[in-house]
Protein backbone atom coordinates (compact mmCIF):
# COMPACT_ATOMS: atom_id res chain seq x y z
CA MET A 1 14.39 3.16 56.98
CA ILE A 2 17.40 1.61 55.21
CA ASP A 3 17.31 -0.67 52.21
CA TRP A 4 19.81 -3.22 53.51
CA LYS A 5 19.64 -5.10 50.23
CA ARG A 6 21.03 -2.00 48.50
CA VAL A 7 23.76 -1.71 51.13
CA GLU A 8 24.79 -5.32 50.51
CA GLU A 9 24.61 -4.85 46.72
CA LEU A 10 26.96 -1.88 46.96
CA ARG A 11 29.24 -3.81 49.30
CA SER A 12 29.45 -6.71 46.82
CA GLU A 13 29.90 -4.36 43.85
CA VAL A 14 32.88 -2.50 45.31
CA GLY A 15 34.27 -5.06 47.76
CA GLU A 16 34.53 -4.94 51.54
CA ASP A 17 37.56 -2.65 51.81
CA ALA A 18 36.30 -0.22 49.17
CA PHE A 19 32.86 -0.24 50.79
CA ASP A 20 34.35 0.93 54.08
CA GLU A 21 36.06 3.76 52.18
CA VAL A 22 32.81 4.64 50.36
CA LEU A 23 30.93 4.69 53.66
CA ASP A 24 33.58 6.84 55.33
CA LEU A 25 33.57 9.29 52.42
CA PHE A 26 29.77 9.39 52.39
CA LEU A 27 29.62 10.11 56.11
CA GLU A 28 32.33 12.76 55.90
CA GLU A 29 30.71 14.64 53.01
CA VAL A 30 27.11 14.30 54.14
CA ASP A 31 27.97 15.10 57.78
CA GLU A 32 29.46 18.39 56.59
CA VAL A 33 26.29 19.38 54.72
CA MET A 34 23.98 18.15 57.48
CA THR A 35 25.93 20.17 60.07
CA ARG A 36 25.52 23.24 57.89
CA LEU A 37 21.80 22.54 57.49
CA ARG A 38 21.45 22.16 61.25
CA ASP A 39 23.57 25.12 62.32
CA ALA A 40 23.32 27.72 59.57
CA PRO A 41 21.18 26.72 56.60
CA ASP A 42 21.68 29.03 53.63
CA PRO A 43 18.38 29.46 51.76
CA ALA A 44 20.28 30.06 48.51
CA CYS A 45 22.13 26.75 48.86
CA LEU A 46 19.27 24.70 50.29
CA PRO A 47 18.05 23.21 46.98
CA SER A 48 21.54 22.08 45.97
CA ASP A 49 22.35 20.85 49.49
CA LEU A 50 19.18 18.73 49.57
CA HIS A 51 19.85 17.40 46.08
CA PHE A 52 23.41 16.47 47.03
CA VAL A 53 22.53 14.64 50.25
CA ARG A 54 19.58 12.88 48.60
CA GLY A 55 21.75 11.59 45.77
CA SER A 56 24.46 10.47 48.15
CA ALA A 57 22.00 8.75 50.46
CA LEU A 58 20.21 7.07 47.57
CA ASN A 59 23.41 5.21 46.70
CA LEU A 60 23.49 3.78 50.22
CA GLY A 61 19.83 2.85 50.39
CA LEU A 62 18.68 5.44 52.94
CA LYS A 63 15.06 5.22 51.83
CA GLU A 64 13.34 7.30 54.49
CA PHE A 65 15.98 10.03 54.36
CA CYS A 66 15.68 10.21 50.55
CA ALA A 67 11.90 10.44 50.74
CA ILE A 68 12.13 13.33 53.19
CA CYS A 69 14.69 15.08 50.95
CA ARG A 70 12.45 14.62 47.94
CA GLY A 71 9.51 16.11 49.81
CA LEU A 72 11.54 19.10 50.94
CA GLU A 73 12.86 19.65 47.42
CA HIS A 74 9.28 19.61 46.15
CA GLN A 75 8.20 22.12 48.79
CA LEU A 76 11.06 24.44 47.83
CA ALA A 77 10.17 24.14 44.16
CA GLN A 78 6.63 25.22 45.06
CA GLY A 79 8.00 28.25 46.92
CA GLU A 80 7.01 26.86 50.31
CA ALA A 81 8.99 27.20 53.51
CA VAL A 82 10.61 23.99 54.78
CA GLU A 83 11.26 22.55 58.21
CA LEU A 84 14.46 20.51 58.41
CA SER A 85 14.02 18.75 61.77
CA ALA A 86 12.61 15.50 60.30
CA LEU A 87 15.50 15.39 57.83
CA LEU A 88 18.08 15.93 60.55
CA ASP A 89 16.46 13.29 62.78
CA SER A 90 16.25 10.77 59.94
CA TYR A 91 19.90 11.28 59.06
CA ALA A 92 21.02 10.87 62.66
CA GLU A 93 19.05 7.63 62.99
CA SER A 94 20.20 6.28 59.61
CA ARG A 95 23.81 7.19 60.36
CA GLY A 96 23.63 5.39 63.68
CA LEU A 97 22.18 2.27 62.06
CA LEU A 98 24.87 2.26 59.36
CA MET A 99 27.62 2.69 61.93
CA ALA A 100 26.21 -0.04 64.17
CA ALA A 101 25.92 -2.43 61.24
CA GLY A 102 29.49 -1.68 60.21
CA LYS A 103 30.81 -2.31 63.71
CA ALA A 104 28.84 -5.55 64.02
CA ARG A 105 30.16 -6.70 60.64
CA SER A 106 33.77 -5.90 61.56
CA ARG A 107 33.44 -7.94 64.79
CA VAL A 108 32.30 -10.95 62.76
CA ALA A 109 35.08 -10.62 60.17
């Protein structure tokens, strides 16, 4: 689900304090889009919303989430209707895992 090696690479690239800021910013920005996708998806914005969240999640190693985004983007490009429930579920699970890992790490530090 999550490429933890990528998470650790990013953490070492930016440093522990900056990583926490990156994670907070990621969650803030992606939460906003995911809430919109859950509550009131705008078909005109859907391609750009999916592209944005996929790119953001790719930086944090959210492999499953990115794969689902990619599939949905492909469906849209083919003119097909999309169902967002798997994307929303994957994000919720990935978010929970990231938060749990962050809390566990802060208890150790």
